[in-house]
């Protein structure tokens, strides 16, 4: 069982797959056991309860406020455009950890 579950959502779940692979590499290099996967925003309802943190790709950033309001117990944020464009797995992983820690009050 993974320590943390990180879910990324984008328009179709495809463009984010490369970023997921980079995040998995970064987590492995840091000795962390995380379950990281990408999905289409259409799959949000099926995945939200499993997730410890949720990241939205730039193409679905418009849904951020609505999703945060509907799920105040979940840490949900967007992936900055530059980080996404560079496929910065290490930086995106750090962002996910930061928002998880903020939500947990650490």
PDB file of N, CA and C in Angstrom:
ATOM      1  N   UNK A   1       0.846  -1.189   0.000  1.00  0.00           N
ATOM      2  CA  UNK A   1       0.000   0.000   0.000  1.00  0.00           C
ATOM      3  C   UNK A   1       0.889   1.248   0.000  1.00  0.00           C
ATOM      4  N   UNK A   2       0.612   2.136  -0.885  1.00  0.00           N
ATOM      5  CA  UNK A   2       1.400   3.360  -1.015  1.00  0.00           C
ATOM      6  C   UNK A   2       1.192   4.279   0.194  1.00  0.00           C
ATOM      7  N   UNK A   3       2.228   5.055   0.502  1.00  0.00           N
ATOM      8  CA  UNK A   3       2.144   6.004   1.609  1.00  0.00           C
ATOM      9  C   UNK A   3       1.117   7.098   1.327  1.00  0.00           C
ATOM     10  N   UNK A   4       1.136   7.616   0.115  1.00  0.00           N
ATOM     11  CA  UNK A   4       0.226   8.699  -0.284  1.00  0.00           C
ATOM     12  C   UNK A   4      -0.299   8.431  -1.681  1.00  0.00           C
ATOM     13  N   UNK A   5      -1.507   8.929  -1.923  1.00  0.00           N
ATOM     14  CA  UNK A   5      -2.134   8.793  -3.237  1.00  0.00           C
ATOM     15  C   UNK A   5      -2.262  10.188  -3.835  1.00  0.00           C
ATOM     16  N   UNK A   6      -1.606  10.384  -4.983  1.00  0.00           N
ATOM     17  CA  UNK A   6      -1.628  11.669  -5.677  1.00  0.00           C
ATOM     18  C   UNK A   6      -2.348  11.464  -6.998  1.00  0.00           C
ATOM     19  N   UNK A   7      -3.365  12.272  -7.243  1.00  0.00           N
ATOM     20  CA  UNK A   7      -4.122  12.173  -8.489  1.00  0.00           C
ATOM     21  C   UNK A   7      -3.990  13.485  -9.262  1.00  0.00           C
ATOM     22  N   UNK A   8      -3.687  13.346 -10.555  1.00  0.00           N
ATOM     23  CA  UNK A   8      -3.624  14.484 -11.450  1.00  0.00           C
ATOM     24  C   UNK A   8      -4.798  14.365 -12.418  1.00  0.00           C
ATOM     25  N   UNK A   9      -5.401  15.497 -12.716  1.00  0.00           N
ATOM     26  CA  UNK A   9      -6.510  15.515 -13.656  1.00  0.00           C
ATOM     27  C   UNK A   9      -6.247  16.530 -14.750  1.00  0.00           C
ATOM     28  N   UNK A  10      -6.575  16.140 -15.976  1.00  0.00           N
ATOM     29  CA  UNK A  10      -6.463  17.049 -17.117  1.00  0.00           C
ATOM     30  C   UNK A  10      -7.667  16.812 -18.015  1.00  0.00           C
ATOM     31  N   UNK A  11      -7.644  17.354 -19.202  1.00  0.00           N
ATOM     32  CA  UNK A  11      -8.800  17.256 -20.093  1.00  0.00           C
ATOM     33  C   UNK A  11      -9.101  15.806 -20.478  1.00  0.00           C
ATOM     34  N   UNK A  12      -8.067  15.051 -20.855  1.00  0.00           N
ATOM     35  CA  UNK A  12      -8.303  13.676 -21.288  1.00  0.00           C
ATOM     36  C   UNK A  12      -7.494  12.649 -20.500  1.00  0.00           C
ATOM     37  N   UNK A  13      -6.629  13.096 -19.618  1.00  0.00           N
ATOM     38  CA  UNK A  13      -5.806  12.177 -18.843  1.00  0.00           C
ATOM     39  C   UNK A  13      -4.551  11.727 -19.572  1.00  0.00           C
ATOM     40  N   UNK A  14      -4.342  12.225 -20.794  1.00  0.00           N
ATOM     41  CA  UNK A  14      -3.213  11.782 -21.600  1.00  0.00           C
ATOM     42  C   UNK A  14      -1.991  12.674 -21.436  1.00  0.00           C
ATOM     43  N   UNK A  15      -2.167  13.956 -21.584  1.00  0.00           N
ATOM     44  CA  UNK A  15      -1.017  14.860 -21.558  1.00  0.00           C
ATOM     45  C   UNK A  15      -0.330  14.844 -20.197  1.00  0.00           C
ATOM     46  N   UNK A  16      -1.054  14.496 -19.180  1.00  0.00           N
ATOM     47  CA  UNK A  16      -0.495  14.496 -17.837  1.00  0.00           C
ATOM     48  C   UNK A  16       0.288  13.217 -17.546  1.00  0.00           C
ATOM     49  N   UNK A  17       0.140  12.202 -18.369  1.00  0.00           N
ATOM     50  CA  UNK A  17       0.816  10.919 -18.131  1.00  0.00           C
ATOM     51  C   UNK A  17       2.334  11.054 -18.097  1.00  0.00           C
ATOM     52  N   UNK A  18       2.896  11.876 -18.962  1.00  0.00           N
ATOM     53  CA  UNK A  18       4.340  12.087 -18.965  1.00  0.00           C
ATOM     54  C   UNK A  18       4.787  12.726 -17.646  1.00  0.00           C
ATOM     55  N   UNK A  19       4.019  13.684 -17.178  1.00  0.00           N
ATOM     56  CA  UNK A  19       4.340  14.332 -15.908  1.00  0.00           C
ATOM     57  C   UNK A  19       4.245  13.326 -14.753  1.00  0.00           C
ATOM     58  N   UNK A  20       3.272  12.450 -14.796  1.00  0.00           N
ATOM     59  CA  UNK A  20       3.138  11.413 -13.771  1.00  0.00           C
ATOM     60  C   UNK A  20       4.397  10.553 -13.731  1.00  0.00           C
ATOM     61  N   UNK A  21       4.892  10.153 -14.896  1.00  0.00           N
ATOM     62  CA  UNK A  21       6.116   9.337 -14.950  1.00  0.00           C
ATOM     63  C   UNK A  21       7.302  10.073 -14.336  1.00  0.00           C
ATOM     64  N   UNK A  22       7.404  11.368 -14.613  1.00  0.00           N
ATOM     65  CA  UNK A  22       8.494  12.176 -14.046  1.00  0.00           C
ATOM     66  C   UNK A  22       8.341  12.289 -12.524  1.00  0.00           C
ATOM     67  N   UNK A  23       7.113  12.409 -12.053  1.00  0.00           N
ATOM     68  CA  UNK A  23       6.859  12.486 -10.615  1.00  0.00           C
ATOM     69  C   UNK A  23       7.206  11.155  -9.940  1.00  0.00           C
ATOM     70  N   UNK A  24       6.867  10.052 -10.586  1.00  0.00           N
ATOM     71  CA  UNK A  24       7.189   8.729 -10.040  1.00  0.00           C
ATOM     72  C   UNK A  24       8.706   8.550  -9.927  1.00  0.00           C
ATOM     73  N   UNK A  25       9.429   8.997 -10.952  1.00  0.00           N
ATOM     74  CA  UNK A  25      10.894   8.930 -10.915  1.00  0.00           C
ATOM     75  C   UNK A  25      11.442   9.749  -9.753  1.00  0.00           C
ATOM     76  N   UNK A  26      10.896  10.956  -9.566  1.00  0.00           N
ATOM     77  CA  UNK A  26      11.355  11.831  -8.485  1.00  0.00           C
ATOM     78  C   UNK A  26      11.054  11.215  -7.122  1.00  0.00           C
ATOM     79  N   UNK A  27       9.870  10.644  -6.969  1.00  0.00           N
ATOM     80  CA  UNK A  27       9.488  10.022  -5.698  1.00  0.00           C
ATOM     81  C   UNK A  27      10.390   8.828  -5.390  1.00  0.00           C
ATOM     82  N   UNK A  28      10.647   8.013  -6.414  1.00  0.00           N
ATOM     83  CA  UNK A  28      11.508   6.842  -6.236  1.00  0.00           C
ATOM     84  C   UNK A  28      12.916   7.273  -5.831  1.00  0.00           C
ATOM     85  N   UNK A  29      13.423   8.312  -6.477  1.00  0.00           N
ATOM     86  CA  UNK A  29      14.765   8.821  -6.167  1.00  0.00           C
ATOM     87  C   UNK A  29      14.858   9.326  -4.728  1.00  0.00           C
ATOM     88  N   UNK A  30      13.706   9.777  -4.193  1.00  0.00           N
ATOM     89  CA  UNK A  30      13.665  10.285  -2.817  1.00  0.00           C
ATOM     90  C   UNK A  30      13.269   9.186  -1.821  1.00  0.00           C
ATOM     91  N   UNK A  31      13.088   7.962  -2.320  1.00  0.00           N
ATOM     92  CA  UNK A  31      12.740   6.843  -1.455  1.00  0.00           C
ATOM     93  C   UNK A  31      11.308   6.870  -0.957  1.00  0.00           C
ATOM     94  N   UNK A  32      10.417   7.498  -1.727  1.00  0.00           N
ATOM     95  CA  UNK A  32       9.017   7.627  -1.320  1.00  0.00           C
ATOM     96  C   UNK A  32       8.142   6.668  -2.120  1.00  0.00           C
ATOM     97  N   UNK A  33       7.189   6.051  -1.432  1.00  0.00           N
ATOM     98  CA  UNK A  33       6.261   5.116  -2.064  1.00  0.00           C
ATOM     99  C   UNK A  33       4.911   5.810  -2.238  1.00  0.00           C
ATOM    100  N   UNK A  34       4.726   6.432  -3.386  1.00  0.00           N
ATOM    101  CA  UNK A  34       3.488   7.153  -3.679  1.00  0.00           C
ATOM    102  C   UNK A  34       2.770   6.489  -4.843  1.00  0.00           C
ATOM    103  N   UNK A  35       1.453   6.483  -4.761  1.00  0.00           N
ATOM    104  CA  UNK A  35       0.600   6.025  -5.859  1.00  0.00           C
ATOM    105  C   UNK A  35       0.224   7.286  -6.640  1.00  0.00           C
ATOM    106  N   UNK A  36       0.818   7.459  -7.811  1.00  0.00           N
ATOM    107  CA  UNK A  36       0.602   8.666  -8.621  1.00  0.00           C
ATOM    108  C   UNK A  36      -0.008   8.246  -9.952  1.00  0.00           C
ATOM    109  N   UNK A  37      -1.116   8.870 -10.325  1.00  0.00           N
ATOM    110  CA  UNK A  37      -1.777   8.524 -11.590  1.00  0.00           C
ATOM    111  C   UNK A  37      -2.520   9.729 -12.144  1.00  0.00           C
ATOM    112  N   UNK A  38      -2.737   9.705 -13.462  1.00  0.00           N
ATOM    113  CA  UNK A  38      -3.447  10.780 -14.156  1.00  0.00           C
ATOM    114  C   UNK A  38      -4.776  10.265 -14.694  1.00  0.00           C
ATOM    115  N   UNK A  39      -5.758  11.136 -14.661  1.00  0.00           N
ATOM    116  CA  UNK A  39      -7.098  10.803 -15.141  1.00  0.00           C
ATOM    117  C   UNK A  39      -7.704  11.996 -15.863  1.00  0.00           C
ATOM    118  N   UNK A  40      -8.732  11.706 -16.614  1.00  0.00           N
ATOM    119  CA  UNK A  40      -9.551  12.752 -17.210  1.00  0.00           C
ATOM    120  C   UNK A  40     -10.391  13.377 -16.098  1.00  0.00           C
ATOM    121  N   UNK A  41     -10.698  14.649 -16.240  1.00  0.00           N
ATOM    122  CA  UNK A  41     -11.548  15.315 -15.254  1.00  0.00           C
ATOM    123  C   UNK A  41     -12.893  14.599 -15.128  1.00  0.00           C
ATOM    124  N   UNK A  42     -13.320  13.909 -16.165  1.00  0.00           N
ATOM    125  CA  UNK A  42     -14.572  13.142 -16.145  1.00  0.00           C
ATOM    126  C   UNK A  42     -14.537  12.051 -15.068  1.00  0.00           C
ATOM    127  N   UNK A  43     -13.337  11.591 -14.695  1.00  0.00           N
ATOM    128  CA  UNK A  43     -13.187  10.521 -13.703  1.00  0.00           C
ATOM    129  C   UNK A  43     -13.019  11.050 -12.277  1.00  0.00           C
ATOM    130  N   UNK A  44     -13.159  12.344 -12.098  1.00  0.00           N
ATOM    131  CA  UNK A  44     -12.909  12.962 -10.797  1.00  0.00           C
ATOM    132  C   UNK A  44     -13.732  12.316  -9.684  1.00  0.00           C
ATOM    133  N   UNK A  45     -15.018  12.147  -9.913  1.00  0.00           N
ATOM    134  CA  UNK A  45     -15.905  11.608  -8.873  1.00  0.00           C
ATOM    135  C   UNK A  45     -15.485  10.211  -8.421  1.00  0.00           C
ATOM    136  N   UNK A  46     -14.946   9.416  -9.344  1.00  0.00           N
ATOM    137  CA  UNK A  46     -14.517   8.055  -9.005  1.00  0.00           C
ATOM    138  C   UNK A  46     -13.210   8.035  -8.216  1.00  0.00           C
ATOM    139  N   UNK A  47     -12.383   9.046  -8.383  1.00  0.00           N
ATOM    140  CA  UNK A  47     -11.035   9.048  -7.799  1.00  0.00           C
ATOM    141  C   UNK A  47     -10.861   9.941  -6.575  1.00  0.00           C
ATOM    142  N   UNK A  48     -11.754  10.880  -6.365  1.00  0.00           N
ATOM    143  CA  UNK A  48     -11.552  11.902  -5.334  1.00  0.00           C
ATOM    144  C   UNK A  48     -11.374  11.310  -3.936  1.00  0.00           C
ATOM    145  N   UNK A  49     -12.141  10.307  -3.576  1.00  0.00           N
ATOM    146  CA  UNK A  49     -12.065   9.760  -2.222  1.00  0.00           C
ATOM    147  C   UNK A  49     -10.767   9.011  -1.959  1.00  0.00           C
ATOM    148  N   UNK A  50     -10.157   8.455  -3.002  1.00  0.00           N
ATOM    149  CA  UNK A  50      -8.900   7.707  -2.863  1.00  0.00           C
ATOM    150  C   UNK A  50      -7.701   8.627  -2.657  1.00  0.00           C
ATOM    151  N   UNK A  51      -7.827   9.859  -3.127  1.00  0.00           N
ATOM    152  CA  UNK A  51      -6.683  10.767  -3.221  1.00  0.00           C
ATOM    153  C   UNK A  51      -6.350  11.467  -1.909  1.00  0.00           C
ATOM    154  N   UNK A  52      -5.042  11.546  -1.626  1.00  0.00           N
ATOM    155  CA  UNK A  52      -4.565  12.369  -0.512  1.00  0.00           C
ATOM    156  C   UNK A  52      -4.358  13.804  -0.973  1.00  0.00           C
ATOM    157  N   UNK A  53      -4.083  13.978  -2.255  1.00  0.00           N
ATOM    158  CA  UNK A  53      -3.929  15.308  -2.841  1.00  0.00           C
ATOM    159  C   UNK A  53      -4.320  15.228  -4.308  1.00  0.00           C
ATOM    160  N   UNK A  54      -4.895  16.326  -4.806  1.00  0.00           N
ATOM    161  CA  UNK A  54      -5.368  16.384  -6.186  1.00  0.00           C
ATOM    162  C   UNK A  54      -4.742  17.588  -6.878  1.00  0.00           C
ATOM    163  N   UNK A  55      -4.162  17.340  -8.046  1.00  0.00           N
ATOM    164  CA  UNK A  55      -3.548  18.398  -8.853  1.00  0.00           C
ATOM    165  C   UNK A  55      -4.279  18.495 -10.181  1.00  0.00           C
ATOM    166  N   UNK A  56      -4.577  19.718 -10.593  1.00  0.00           N
ATOM    167  CA  UNK A  56      -5.264  19.948 -11.864  1.00  0.00           C
ATOM    168  C   UNK A  56      -4.298  20.509 -12.891  1.00  0.00           C
ATOM    169  N   UNK A  57      -4.315  19.937 -14.085  1.00  0.00           N
ATOM    170  CA  UNK A  57      -3.523  20.458 -15.188  1.00  0.00           C
ATOM    171  C   UNK A  57      -4.070  21.806 -15.629  1.00  0.00           C
ATOM    172  N   UNK A  58      -3.235  22.601 -16.298  1.00  0.00           N
ATOM    173  CA  UNK A  58      -3.656  23.943 -16.722  1.00  0.00           C
ATOM    174  C   UNK A  58      -4.931  23.960 -17.555  1.00  0.00           C
ATOM    175  N   UNK A  59      -5.159  22.918 -18.359  1.00  0.00           N
ATOM    176  CA  UNK A  59      -6.324  22.913 -19.226  1.00  0.00           C
ATOM    177  C   UNK A  59      -7.648  22.732 -18.484  1.00  0.00           C
ATOM    178  N   UNK A  60      -7.600  22.321 -17.203  1.00  0.00           N
ATOM    179  CA  UNK A  60      -8.834  22.190 -16.414  1.00  0.00           C
ATOM    180  C   UNK A  60      -8.797  23.063 -15.157  1.00  0.00           C
ATOM    181  N   UNK A  61      -7.884  24.009 -15.144  1.00  0.00           N
ATOM    182  CA  UNK A  61      -7.752  24.927 -13.998  1.00  0.00           C
ATOM    183  C   UNK A  61      -9.066  25.658 -13.708  1.00  0.00           C
ATOM    184  N   UNK A  62      -9.874  25.876 -14.728  1.00  0.00           N
ATOM    185  CA  UNK A  62     -11.155  26.565 -14.557  1.00  0.00           C
ATOM    186  C   UNK A  62     -12.042  25.897 -13.502  1.00  0.00           C
ATOM    187  N   UNK A  63     -11.856  24.601 -13.251  1.00  0.00           N
ATOM    188  CA  UNK A  63     -12.701  23.857 -12.316  1.00  0.00           C
ATOM    189  C   UNK A  63     -12.194  23.926 -10.870  1.00  0.00           C
ATOM    190  N   UNK A  64     -11.049  24.556 -10.635  1.00  0.00           N
ATOM    191  CA  UNK A  64     -10.402  24.542  -9.319  1.00  0.00           C
ATOM    192  C   UNK A  64     -11.322  25.021  -8.199  1.00  0.00           C
ATOM    193  N   UNK A  65     -11.883  26.202  -8.323  1.00  0.00           N
ATOM    194  CA  UNK A  65     -12.728  26.766  -7.262  1.00  0.00           C
ATOM    195  C   UNK A  65     -13.930  25.896  -6.958  1.00  0.00           C
ATOM    196  N   UNK A  66     -14.567  25.402  -7.986  1.00  0.00           N
ATOM    197  CA  UNK A  66     -15.742  24.547  -7.828  1.00  0.00           C
ATOM    198  C   UNK A  66     -15.388  23.246  -7.099  1.00  0.00           C
ATOM    199  N   UNK A  67     -14.272  22.624  -7.485  1.00  0.00           N
ATOM    200  CA  UNK A  67     -13.863  21.363  -6.859  1.00  0.00           C
ATOM    201  C   UNK A  67     -13.426  21.574  -5.410  1.00  0.00           C
ATOM    202  N   UNK A  68     -12.725  22.677  -5.146  1.00  0.00           N
ATOM    203  CA  UNK A  68     -12.317  22.983  -3.772  1.00  0.00           C
ATOM    204  C   UNK A  68     -13.545  23.206  -2.887  1.00  0.00           C
ATOM    205  N   UNK A  69     -14.547  23.892  -3.420  1.00  0.00           N
ATOM    206  CA  UNK A  69     -15.768  24.155  -2.653  1.00  0.00           C
ATOM    207  C   UNK A  69     -16.547  22.863  -2.396  1.00  0.00           C
ATOM    208  N   UNK A  70     -16.566  21.972  -3.371  1.00  0.00           N
ATOM    209  CA  UNK A  70     -17.306  20.712  -3.243  1.00  0.00           C
ATOM    210  C   UNK A  70     -16.601  19.700  -2.345  1.00  0.00           C
ATOM    211  N   UNK A  71     -15.273  19.834  -2.210  1.00  0.00           N
ATOM    212  CA  UNK A  71     -14.480  18.875  -1.428  1.00  0.00           C
ATOM    213  C   UNK A  71     -13.509  19.622  -0.511  1.00  0.00           C
ATOM    214  N   UNK A  72     -14.039  20.375   0.460  1.00  0.00           N
ATOM    215  CA  UNK A  72     -13.152  21.187   1.314  1.00  0.00           C
ATOM    216  C   UNK A  72     -12.184  20.359   2.162  1.00  0.00           C
ATOM    217  N   UNK A  73     -12.483  19.087   2.328  1.00  0.00           N
ATOM    218  CA  UNK A  73     -11.615  18.220   3.127  1.00  0.00           C
ATOM    219  C   UNK A  73     -10.385  17.748   2.356  1.00  0.00           C
ATOM    220  N   UNK A  74     -10.382  17.936   1.045  1.00  0.00           N
ATOM    221  CA  UNK A  74      -9.294  17.452   0.197  1.00  0.00           C
ATOM    222  C   UNK A  74      -8.376  18.597  -0.217  1.00  0.00           C
ATOM    223  N   UNK A  75      -7.057  18.368  -0.169  1.00  0.00           N
ATOM    224  CA  UNK A  75      -6.144  19.374  -0.716  1.00  0.00           C
ATOM    225  C   UNK A  75      -6.160  19.295  -2.245  1.00  0.00           C
ATOM    226  N   UNK A  76      -6.633  20.369  -2.870  1.00  0.00           N
ATOM    227  CA  UNK A  76      -6.744  20.439  -4.327  1.00  0.00           C
ATOM    228  C   UNK A  76      -6.086  21.723  -4.786  1.00  0.00           C
ATOM    229  N   UNK A  77      -5.205  21.622  -5.776  1.00  0.00           N
ATOM    230  CA  UNK A  77      -4.562  22.814  -6.335  1.00  0.00           C
ATOM    231  C   UNK A  77      -4.294  22.588  -7.815  1.00  0.00           C
ATOM    232  N   UNK A  78      -3.818  23.631  -8.451  1.00  0.00           N
ATOM    233  CA  UNK A  78      -3.470  23.522  -9.868  1.00  0.00           C
ATOM    234  C   UNK A  78      -1.958  23.352 -10.019  1.00  0.00           C
ATOM    235  N   UNK A  79      -1.563  22.912 -11.183  1.00  0.00           N
ATOM    236  CA  UNK A  79      -0.150  22.800 -11.522  1.00  0.00           C
ATOM    237  C   UNK A  79       0.206  24.062 -12.309  1.00  0.00           C
ATOM    238  N   UNK A  80       1.158  24.846 -11.835  1.00  0.00           N
ATOM    239  CA  UNK A  80       1.520  26.062 -12.562  1.00  0.00           C
ATOM    240  C   UNK A  80       1.905  25.748 -14.012  1.00  0.00           C
ATOM    241  N   UNK A  81       1.519  26.630 -14.917  1.00  0.00           N
ATOM    242  CA  UNK A  81       1.735  26.435 -16.350  1.00  0.00           C
ATOM    243  C   UNK A  81       3.198  26.147 -16.681  1.00  0.00           C
ATOM    244  N   UNK A  82       4.119  26.900 -16.082  1.00  0.00           N
ATOM    245  CA  UNK A  82       5.530  26.699 -16.387  1.00  0.00           C
ATOM    246  C   UNK A  82       6.002  25.317 -15.918  1.00  0.00           C
ATOM    247  N   UNK A  83       5.586  24.926 -14.737  1.00  0.00           N
ATOM    248  CA  UNK A  83       5.965  23.623 -14.187  1.00  0.00           C
ATOM    249  C   UNK A  83       5.422  22.502 -15.087  1.00  0.00           C
ATOM    250  N   UNK A  84       4.193  22.681 -15.528  1.00  0.00           N
ATOM    251  CA  UNK A  84       3.551  21.706 -16.403  1.00  0.00           C
ATOM    252  C   UNK A  84       4.257  21.648 -17.754  1.00  0.00           C
ATOM    253  N   UNK A  85       4.517  22.817 -18.305  1.00  0.00           N
ATOM    254  CA  UNK A  85       5.166  22.900 -19.617  1.00  0.00           C
ATOM    255  C   UNK A  85       6.552  22.278 -19.628  1.00  0.00           C
ATOM    256  N   UNK A  86       7.270  22.407 -18.515  1.00  0.00           N
ATOM    257  CA  UNK A  86       8.613  21.835 -18.407  1.00  0.00           C
ATOM    258  C   UNK A  86       8.589  20.363 -17.992  1.00  0.00           C
ATOM    259  N   UNK A  87       7.375  19.858 -17.702  1.00  0.00           N
ATOM    260  CA  UNK A  87       7.219  18.489 -17.204  1.00  0.00           C
ATOM    261  C   UNK A  87       8.140  18.276 -16.003  1.00  0.00           C
ATOM    262  N   UNK A  88       8.065  19.220 -15.073  1.00  0.00           N
ATOM    263  CA  UNK A  88       8.904  19.233 -13.879  1.00  0.00           C
ATOM    264  C   UNK A  88       8.327  18.293 -12.821  1.00  0.00           C
ATOM    265  N   UNK A  89       8.697  17.025 -12.903  1.00  0.00           N
ATOM    266  CA  UNK A  89       8.186  16.025 -11.980  1.00  0.00           C
ATOM    267  C   UNK A  89       8.591  16.285 -10.538  1.00  0.00           C
ATOM    268  N   UNK A  90       9.847  16.666 -10.332  1.00  0.00           N
ATOM    269  CA  UNK A  90      10.345  16.937  -8.979  1.00  0.00           C
ATOM    270  C   UNK A  90       9.604  18.124  -8.362  1.00  0.00           C
ATOM    271  N   UNK A  91       9.449  19.188  -9.132  1.00  0.00           N
ATOM    272  CA  UNK A  91       8.755  20.378  -8.643  1.00  0.00           C
ATOM    273  C   UNK A  91       7.282  20.123  -8.390  1.00  0.00           C
ATOM    274  N   UNK A  92       6.651  19.358  -9.263  1.00  0.00           N
ATOM    275  CA  UNK A  92       5.231  19.053  -9.102  1.00  0.00           C
ATOM    276  C   UNK A  92       5.023  18.157  -7.883  1.00  0.00           C
ATOM    277  N   UNK A  93       5.923  17.211  -7.682  1.00  0.00           N
ATOM    278  CA  UNK A  93       5.856  16.366  -6.497  1.00  0.00           C
ATOM    279  C   UNK A  93       5.996  17.210  -5.232  1.00  0.00           C
ATOM    280  N   UNK A  94       6.921  18.147  -5.236  1.00  0.00           N
ATOM    281  CA  UNK A  94       7.116  19.038  -4.088  1.00  0.00           C
ATOM    282  C   UNK A  94       5.859  19.874  -3.840  1.00  0.00           C
ATOM    283  N   UNK A  95       5.207  20.325  -4.906  1.00  0.00           N
ATOM    284  CA  UNK A  95       3.970  21.098  -4.768  1.00  0.00           C
ATOM    285  C   UNK A  95       2.874  20.241  -4.133  1.00  0.00           C
ATOM    286  N   UNK A  96       2.768  18.994  -4.565  1.00  0.00           N
ATOM    287  CA  UNK A  96       1.769  18.078  -4.003  1.00  0.00           C
ATOM    288  C   UNK A  96       2.020  17.868  -2.512  1.00  0.00           C
ATOM    289  N   UNK A  97       3.283  17.654  -2.150  1.00  0.00           N
ATOM    290  CA  UNK A  97       3.626  17.446  -0.741  1.00  0.00           C
ATOM    291  C   UNK A  97       3.356  18.704   0.082  1.00  0.00           C
ATOM    292  N   UNK A  98       3.650  19.849  -0.498  1.00  0.00           N
ATOM    293  CA  UNK A  98       3.424  21.116   0.200  1.00  0.00           C
ATOM    294  C   UNK A  98       1.944  21.307   0.521  1.00  0.00           C
ATOM    295  N   UNK A  99       1.081  21.072  -0.448  1.00  0.00           N
ATOM    296  CA  UNK A  99      -0.342  21.287  -0.208  1.00  0.00           C
ATOM    297  C   UNK A  99      -0.916  20.236   0.744  1.00  0.00           C
ATOM    298  N   UNK A 100      -0.387  19.018   0.691  1.00  0.00           N
ATOM    299  CA  UNK A 100      -0.823  17.988   1.655  1.00  0.00           C
ATOM    300  C   UNK A 100      -0.452  18.420   3.079  1.00  0.00           C
ATOM    301  N   UNK A 101       0.762  18.921   3.247  1.00  0.00           N
ATOM    302  CA  UNK A 101       1.232  19.348   4.558  1.00  0.00           C
ATOM    303  C   UNK A 101       0.450  20.567   5.068  1.00  0.00           C
ATOM    304  N   UNK A 102       0.134  21.510   4.172  1.00  0.00           N
ATOM    305  CA  UNK A 102      -0.643  22.683   4.554  1.00  0.00           C
ATOM    306  C   UNK A 102      -2.032  22.268   5.028  1.00  0.00           C
ATOM    307  N   UNK A 103      -2.653  21.346   4.296  1.00  0.00           N
ATOM    308  CA  UNK A 103      -4.000  20.892   4.642  1.00  0.00           C
ATOM    309  C   UNK A 103      -3.984  20.132   5.968  1.00  0.00           C
ATOM    310  N   UNK A 104      -2.900  19.416   6.218  1.00  0.00           N
ATOM    311  CA  UNK A 104      -2.769  18.647   7.467  1.00  0.00           C
ATOM    312  C   UNK A 104      -2.347  19.535   8.635  1.00  0.00           C
ATOM    313  N   UNK A 105      -2.044  20.792   8.347  1.00  0.00           N
ATOM    314  CA  UNK A 105      -1.649  21.727   9.399  1.00  0.00           C
ATOM    315  C   UNK A 105      -0.226  21.553   9.874  1.00  0.00           C
ATOM    316  N   UNK A 106       0.625  21.028   8.994  1.00  0.00           N
ATOM    317  CA  UNK A 106       2.029  20.802   9.372  1.00  0.00           C
ATOM    318  C   UNK A 106       2.878  22.007   9.025  1.00  0.00           C
TER     319      UNK A 106
END
